Amino acid sequence: MSERFRLFVYGHLRRGQVGYERLGLAQSTQWLGEGQIHGRLYDLGDYPGLMLGGENIVHGELIAFDDSRLWALLDQYEDCDPGNPEASEYQRTEIDLIGGGRAWTYVYTRPVGDLTLIASGRWFASS
């Protein structure tokens, strides 16, 4: 039996967004429902950046897949190089979900000092 991967998505990888469509996630993943985590979303212009921790809540969706080869496609899309995290814009990180359970997500790795916080924790509402 293969491992089942769960991914918390909060930006372009959500259903109906450009990354979801471009990567064909409707065909390669299963939508599990809405999800929430503790963190902060920042407006990076065309997409959001997630920082973990704190009391703020970030809203997103959970998707699942069995084929580990999908990670390479997702990592490339998210500018995540697990072998060179210092050069990556995002790092794939396993997180705790509010309400229980764990999932993977992509965490922004750059400084956020001059970026606008998305106080609602809902990027899709501001896009």
Foldseek 3Di string as FASTA:
>chain_A
DFDKAKEWDAKQCAPPHDVVVVLVVVVFKAWDFKFKAAWWWWCPDRIIATDHDDDAIAITTMIMGRDPVVVVVVCVVQQEDVVCRVRGQWHWDWGAIVVGDIHIYTHGDDDCVPTHIPRNNHVVVVD
